C-alpha atoms as a PDB file:
ATOM      1  CA  MET A   1      14.054 -13.530   8.152  1.00  0.00           C
ATOM      2  CA  ILE A   2      13.758 -10.321   6.183  1.00  0.00           C
ATOM      3  CA  ASP A   3      12.949  -7.211   8.158  1.00  0.00           C
ATOM      4  CA  ARG A   4      10.553  -4.492   7.052  1.00  0.00           C
ATOM      5  CA  ARG A   5      13.354  -1.892   6.592  1.00  0.00           C
ATOM      6  CA  GLY A   6      15.257  -4.236   4.268  1.00  0.00           C
ATOM      7  CA  ALA A   7      12.112  -4.939   2.278  1.00  0.00           C
ATOM      8  CA  LEU A   8      11.381  -1.200   2.059  1.00  0.00           C
ATOM      9  CA  ALA A   9      14.913  -0.592   0.792  1.00  0.00           C
ATOM     10  CA  GLY A  10      14.292  -3.163  -1.943  1.00  0.00           C
ATOM     11  CA  MET A  11      10.993  -1.516  -2.876  1.00  0.00           C
ATOM     12  CA  VAL A  12      12.651   1.913  -3.040  1.00  0.00           C
ATOM     13  CA  ALA A  13      15.318   0.484  -5.315  1.00  0.00           C
ATOM     14  CA  ALA A  14      12.620  -1.061  -7.526  1.00  0.00           C
ATOM     15  CA  PHE A  15      10.520   2.113  -7.694  1.00  0.00           C
ATOM     16  CA  GLY A  16      13.497   4.389  -8.319  1.00  0.00           C
ATOM     17  CA  ALA A  17      13.046   8.152  -8.323  1.00  0.00           C
ATOM     18  CA  SER A  18       9.263   8.032  -8.435  1.00  0.00           C
ATOM     19  CA  VAL A  19       8.988   6.686  -4.893  1.00  0.00           C
ATOM     20  CA  PHE A  20       6.469   8.332  -2.559  1.00  0.00           C
ATOM     21  CA  ALA A  21       8.590  10.620  -0.395  1.00  0.00           C
ATOM     22  CA  PRO A  22       7.680   9.153   3.027  1.00  0.00           C
ATOM     23  CA  LEU A  23       8.900   5.744   1.849  1.00  0.00           C
ATOM     24  CA  ALA A  24      12.218   7.230   0.786  1.00  0.00           C
ATOM     25  CA  ARG A  25      12.582   9.036   4.116  1.00  0.00           C
ATOM     26  CA  ALA A  26      11.714   5.871   6.056  1.00  0.00           C
ATOM     27  CA  VAL A  27      14.465   3.930   4.308  1.00  0.00           C
ATOM     28  CA  ALA A  28      17.076   6.691   4.280  1.00  0.00           C
ATOM     29  CA  TYR A  29      16.764   7.667   7.954  1.00  0.00           C
ATOM     30  CA  GLN A  30      19.899   6.221   9.566  1.00  0.00           C
ATOM     31  CA  PRO A  31      21.160   7.841  12.821  1.00  0.00           C
ATOM     32  CA  ASN A  32      19.491   5.799  15.573  1.00  0.00           C
ATOM     33  CA  PRO A  33      15.927   6.502  14.527  1.00  0.00           C
ATOM     34  CA  VAL A  34      13.178   6.561  17.098  1.00  0.00           C
ATOM     35  CA  ILE A  35      10.620   4.449  15.304  1.00  0.00           C
ATOM     36  CA  ASN A  36       7.059   4.193  16.494  1.00  0.00           C
ATOM     37  CA  THR A  37       6.466   0.475  16.898  1.00  0.00           C
ATOM     38  CA  GLY A  38       3.101   0.942  18.589  1.00  0.00           C
ATOM     39  CA  PRO A  39      -0.185   1.908  17.025  1.00  0.00           C
ATOM     40  CA  PRO A  40       0.045   4.470  14.227  1.00  0.00           C
ATOM     41  CA  ALA A  41      -0.376   8.139  14.965  1.00  0.00           C
ATOM     42  CA  PRO A  42      -4.032   8.849  14.114  1.00  0.00           C
ATOM     43  CA  VAL A  43      -4.410  10.461  10.712  1.00  0.00           C
ATOM     44  CA  PHE A  44      -7.772   9.298   9.431  1.00  0.00           C
ATOM     45  CA  THR A  45     -11.290   9.731  10.702  1.00  0.00           C
ATOM     46  CA  ALA A  46     -13.281   6.504  11.092  1.00  0.00           C
ATOM     47  CA  ALA A  47     -14.914   7.107   7.690  1.00  0.00           C
ATOM     48  CA  GLN A  48     -11.557   7.774   6.003  1.00  0.00           C
ATOM     49  CA  ARG A  49     -10.035   4.687   7.642  1.00  0.00           C
ATOM     50  CA  ALA A  50     -12.906   2.551   6.290  1.00  0.00           C
ATOM     51  CA  LEU A  51     -12.490   4.089   2.821  1.00  0.00           C
ATOM     52  CA  VAL A  52      -8.720   3.424   2.822  1.00  0.00           C
ATOM     53  CA  ALA A  53      -9.435  -0.203   3.748  1.00  0.00           C
ATOM     54  CA  ALA A  54     -12.063  -0.570   1.014  1.00  0.00           C
ATOM     55  CA  LEU A  55      -9.892   1.029  -1.677  1.00  0.00           C
ATOM     56  CA  SER A  56      -6.801  -0.937  -0.594  1.00  0.00           C
ATOM     57  CA  GLU A  57      -8.782  -4.139  -0.994  1.00  0.00           C
ATOM     58  CA  ARG A  58      -9.801  -3.028  -4.496  1.00  0.00           C
ATOM     59  CA  VAL A  59      -6.119  -2.520  -5.441  1.00  0.00           C
ATOM     60  CA  ILE A  60      -5.073  -5.925  -4.005  1.00  0.00           C
ATOM     61  CA  PRO A  61      -8.233  -8.004  -3.508  1.00  0.00           C
ATOM     62  CA  THR A  62      -8.493 -11.295  -1.702  1.00  0.00           C
ATOM     63  CA  THR A  63      -8.225 -14.116  -4.235  1.00  0.00           C
ATOM     64  CA  ASP A  64      -6.528 -17.452  -3.595  1.00  0.00           C
ATOM     65  CA  THR A  65      -4.131 -15.372  -1.463  1.00  0.00           C
ATOM     66  CA  PRO A  66      -5.030 -12.875   1.262  1.00  0.00           C
ATOM     67  CA  GLY A  67      -5.774  -9.310   0.181  1.00  0.00           C
ATOM     68  CA  ALA A  68      -4.641  -5.903   1.401  1.00  0.00           C
ATOM     69  CA  ILE A  69      -6.834  -5.858   4.509  1.00  0.00           C
ATOM     70  CA  ALA A  70      -5.540  -9.240   5.715  1.00  0.00           C
ATOM     71  CA  ALA A  71      -1.983  -7.983   5.193  1.00  0.00           C
ATOM     72  CA  GLY A  72      -2.604  -4.917   7.368  1.00  0.00           C
ATOM     73  CA  VAL A  73      -2.184  -2.432   4.522  1.00  0.00           C
ATOM     74  CA  PRO A  74      -4.661   0.173   5.858  1.00  0.00           C
ATOM     75  CA  GLU A  75      -2.788   0.298   9.180  1.00  0.00           C
ATOM     76  CA  TYR A  76       0.514   0.508   7.294  1.00  0.00           C
ATOM     77  CA  ILE A  77      -0.751   3.471   5.254  1.00  0.00           C
ATOM     78  CA  GLU A  78      -1.906   5.288   8.378  1.00  0.00           C
ATOM     79  CA  HIS A  79       1.425   4.527  10.049  1.00  0.00           C
ATOM     80  CA  MET A  80       3.379   5.921   7.095  1.00  0.00           C
ATOM     81  CA  LEU A  81       1.218   9.047   6.879  1.00  0.00           C
ATOM     82  CA  GLY A  82       1.220   9.612  10.626  1.00  0.00           C
ATOM     83  CA  ASP A  83       4.878   8.975  11.331  1.00  0.00           C
ATOM     84  CA  TRP A  84       6.762   9.720   8.102  1.00  0.00           C
ATOM     85  CA  ALA A  85       4.734  12.003   5.836  1.00  0.00           C
ATOM     86  CA  ILE A  86       4.801  15.780   5.918  1.00  0.00           C
ATOM     87  CA  ASP A  87       1.605  17.834   5.682  1.00  0.00           C
ATOM     88  CA  ASP A  88       1.711  18.203   1.867  1.00  0.00           C
ATOM     89  CA  GLU A  89       2.048  14.442   1.342  1.00  0.00           C
ATOM     90  CA  ARG A  90      -0.667  13.718   3.897  1.00  0.00           C
ATOM     91  CA  GLY A  91      -2.819  16.317   2.141  1.00  0.00           C
ATOM     92  CA  THR A  92      -2.373  14.517  -1.189  1.00  0.00           C
ATOM     93  CA  ILE A  93      -3.855  11.309   0.218  1.00  0.00           C
ATOM     94  CA  LEU A  94      -6.577  13.027   2.267  1.00  0.00           C
ATOM     95  CA  GLY A  95      -7.543  15.236  -0.682  1.00  0.00           C
ATOM     96  CA  GLY A  96      -7.763  12.239  -2.999  1.00  0.00           C
ATOM     97  CA  LEU A  97      -9.965  10.364  -0.543  1.00  0.00           C
ATOM     98  CA  ALA A  98     -12.230  13.431  -0.272  1.00  0.00           C
ATOM     99  CA  ALA A  99     -12.417  13.719  -4.084  1.00  0.00           C
ATOM    100  CA  ILE A 100     -13.346  10.040  -4.425  1.00  0.00           C
ATOM    101  CA  ASP A 101     -15.986  10.370  -1.720  1.00  0.00           C
ATOM    102  CA  ALA A 102     -17.431  13.539  -3.298  1.00  0.00           C
ATOM    103  CA  ARG A 103     -17.628  11.871  -6.711  1.00  0.00           C
ATOM    104  CA  SER A 104     -19.306   8.839  -5.180  1.00  0.00           C
ATOM    105  CA  MET A 105     -21.914  11.073  -3.548  1.00  0.00           C
ATOM    106  CA  ALA A 106     -22.508  12.846  -6.880  1.00  0.00           C
ATOM    107  CA  ASP A 107     -22.680   9.683  -8.994  1.00  0.00           C
ATOM    108  CA  TYR A 108     -24.096   7.055  -6.620  1.00  0.00           C
ATOM    109  CA  ARG A 109     -25.698   9.131  -3.843  1.00  0.00           C
ATOM    110  CA  MET A 110     -23.741   7.244  -1.187  1.00  0.00           C
ATOM    111  CA  PRO A 111     -20.292   7.469   0.416  1.00  0.00           C
ATOM    112  CA  ALA A 112     -17.591   5.605  -1.495  1.00  0.00           C
ATOM    113  CA  VAL A 113     -17.101   3.144   1.344  1.00  0.00           C
ATOM    114  CA  LYS A 114     -20.724   1.966   0.922  1.00  0.00           C
ATOM    115  CA  ALA A 115     -20.487   1.756  -2.871  1.00  0.00           C
ATOM    116  CA  SER A 116     -20.330  -1.647  -4.531  1.00  0.00           C
ATOM    117  CA  ALA A 117     -17.017  -3.154  -5.565  1.00  0.00           C
ATOM    118  CA  ALA A 118     -17.727  -2.272  -9.216  1.00  0.00           C
ATOM    119  CA  GLN A 119     -18.527   1.328  -8.264  1.00  0.00           C
ATOM    120  CA  GLN A 120     -15.338   1.571  -6.172  1.00  0.00           C
ATOM    121  CA  ASP A 121     -13.383   0.203  -9.147  1.00  0.00           C
ATOM    122  CA  ALA A 122     -14.970   2.887 -11.337  1.00  0.00           C
ATOM    123  CA  LEU A 123     -14.000   5.589  -8.828  1.00  0.00           C
ATOM    124  CA  LEU A 124     -10.413   4.319  -8.683  1.00  0.00           C
ATOM    125  CA  THR A 125     -10.323   4.208 -12.486  1.00  0.00           C
ATOM    126  CA  LEU A 126     -11.400   7.867 -12.577  1.00  0.00           C
ATOM    127  CA  ALA A 127      -8.607   8.687 -10.134  1.00  0.00           C
ATOM    128  CA  MET A 128      -6.108   6.649 -12.155  1.00  0.00           C
ATOM    129  CA  ASN A 129      -7.089   8.473 -15.360  1.00  0.00           C
ATOM    130  CA  ASP A 130      -6.826  11.893 -13.643  1.00  0.00           C
ATOM    131  CA  LYS A 131     -10.568  12.584 -13.923  1.00  0.00           C
ATOM    132  CA  LEU A 132     -10.891  13.723 -10.292  1.00  0.00           C
ATOM    133  CA  PRO A 133      -9.462  16.861  -8.633  1.00  0.00           C
ATOM    134  CA  GLY A 134      -5.954  16.138  -7.340  1.00  0.00           C
ATOM    135  CA  ALA A 135      -5.988  12.587  -8.674  1.00  0.00           C
ATOM    136  CA  SER A 136      -2.790  12.962 -10.708  1.00  0.00           C
ATOM    137  CA  GLU A 137      -0.834  12.982  -7.430  1.00  0.00           C
ATOM    138  CA  PHE A 138      -3.202  10.886  -5.299  1.00  0.00           C
ATOM    139  CA  PHE A 139      -3.522   7.671  -7.275  1.00  0.00           C
ATOM    140  CA  PRO A 140       0.190   6.896  -7.856  1.00  0.00           C
ATOM    141  CA  ALA A 141       1.004   7.681  -4.220  1.00  0.00           C
ATOM    142  CA  PHE A 142      -1.902   5.622  -2.877  1.00  0.00           C
ATOM    143  CA  LYS A 143      -1.164   2.666  -5.153  1.00  0.00           C
ATOM    144  CA  GLN A 144       2.493   2.744  -4.155  1.00  0.00           C
ATOM    145  CA  LEU A 145       1.606   2.764  -0.460  1.00  0.00           C
ATOM    146  CA  VAL A 146      -0.747  -0.200  -0.970  1.00  0.00           C
ATOM    147  CA  LEU A 147       1.801  -2.224  -2.956  1.00  0.00           C
ATOM    148  CA  THR A 148       4.661  -1.461  -0.584  1.00  0.00           C
ATOM    149  CA  GLY A 149       2.535  -2.198   2.470  1.00  0.00           C
ATOM    150  CA  TYR A 150       1.394  -5.481   0.987  1.00  0.00           C
ATOM    151  CA  TYR A 151       4.697  -6.774  -0.350  1.00  0.00           C
ATOM    152  CA  THR A 152       6.610  -5.875   2.820  1.00  0.00           C
ATOM    153  CA  SER A 153       4.049  -7.616   5.051  1.00  0.00           C
ATOM    154  CA  GLU A 154       4.363 -11.180   6.241  1.00  0.00           C
ATOM    155  CA  VAL A 155       1.343 -12.101   4.116  1.00  0.00           C
ATOM    156  CA  GLY A 156       2.854 -10.564   0.975  1.00  0.00           C
ATOM    157  CA  ILE A 157       6.232 -12.180   1.489  1.00  0.00           C
ATOM    158  CA  THR A 158       5.105 -15.634   2.573  1.00  0.00           C
ATOM    159  CA  LYS A 159       1.663 -16.193   1.025  1.00  0.00           C
ATOM    160  CA  GLU A 160       1.772 -14.212  -2.230  1.00  0.00           C
ATOM    161  CA  ARG A 161       5.388 -14.985  -2.961  1.00  0.00           C
ATOM    162  CA  GLU A 162       7.455 -18.089  -2.311  1.00  0.00           C
ATOM    163  CA  TYR A 163       9.627 -17.271   0.702  1.00  0.00           C
ATOM    164  CA  LEU A 164      13.072 -18.835   0.798  1.00  0.00           C
ATOM    165  CA  PRO A 165      15.008 -17.599   3.822  1.00  0.00           C
ATOM    166  CA  VAL A 166      18.626 -16.696   3.296  1.00  0.00           C
ATOM    167  CA  PRO A 167      20.957 -18.325   4.005  1.00  0.00           C
ATOM    168  CA  GLY A 168      19.295 -21.329   2.492  1.00  0.00           C
ATOM    169  CA  ASP A 169      20.352 -24.298   0.499  1.00  0.00           C
ATOM    170  CA  TYR A 170      21.650 -23.591  -2.974  1.00  0.00           C
ATOM    171  CA  ASP A 171      20.257 -25.886  -5.616  1.00  0.00           C
ATOM    172  CA  GLY A 172      21.807 -25.070  -8.974  1.00  0.00           C
ATOM    173  CA  ALA A 173      19.595 -27.637 -10.698  1.00  0.00           C
ATOM    174  CA  TYR A 174      16.256 -26.487  -9.248  1.00  0.00           C
ATOM    175  CA  PRO A 175      13.657 -27.378 -11.894  1.00  0.00           C
ATOM    176  CA  TYR A 176      11.865 -24.318 -13.211  1.00  0.00           C
ATOM    177  CA  ALA A 177       8.635 -26.314 -13.504  1.00  0.00           C
ATOM    178  CA  LYS A 178       8.472 -26.388  -9.679  1.00  0.00           C
ATOM    179  CA  VAL A 179       8.361 -22.586  -9.486  1.00  0.00           C
ATOM    180  CA  LYS A 180       4.759 -21.609  -8.764  1.00  0.00           C
ATOM    181  CA  ARG A 181       5.249 -18.049  -7.492  1.00  0.00           C
ATOM    182  CA  ILE A 182       7.937 -15.390  -7.560  1.00  0.00           C
ATOM    183  CA  PHE A 183      10.695 -16.061  -5.057  1.00  0.00           C
ATOM    184  CA  SER A 184      11.256 -13.673  -2.149  1.00  0.00           C
ATOM    185  CA  SER A 185      14.245 -13.733   0.146  1.00  0.00           C
END
């Protein structure tokens, strides 16, 4: 069974130099780390936590496979920010959430968490296109945290992808037509 640290190392290798710094530190930390395996250190207010969940689900929505909320992505993001991020990196995410919420109040007269899915998509699109204050740093970091949290979760590895544990049987003549999803090992 793949462990979360091994999956993170693979994600860091895939993302290269543009990896969000807390992810790089989490993978690189070697000498007998004291890792918080309990609940994440609190970072978000209740409103921010709800907004992170809503926006995570907009990045990876529930379709025929579970979405970001079912995979525990919001908790993963809070864990990474609480236990691995430094103040500047935490500030990037918190500032982006505040900018999205402020824009939602200006445009829709409601907090972003109460906005419709289409309105949340529009807010994320503004952030992606650097049309919000601080969005040039927020959106790539947030998206990377969502993707890493999802694809290193049990849901992401076993439901979204086809999980083949290693060591497994080698079948050199495995028909490509049987491949329905990307393999994960």
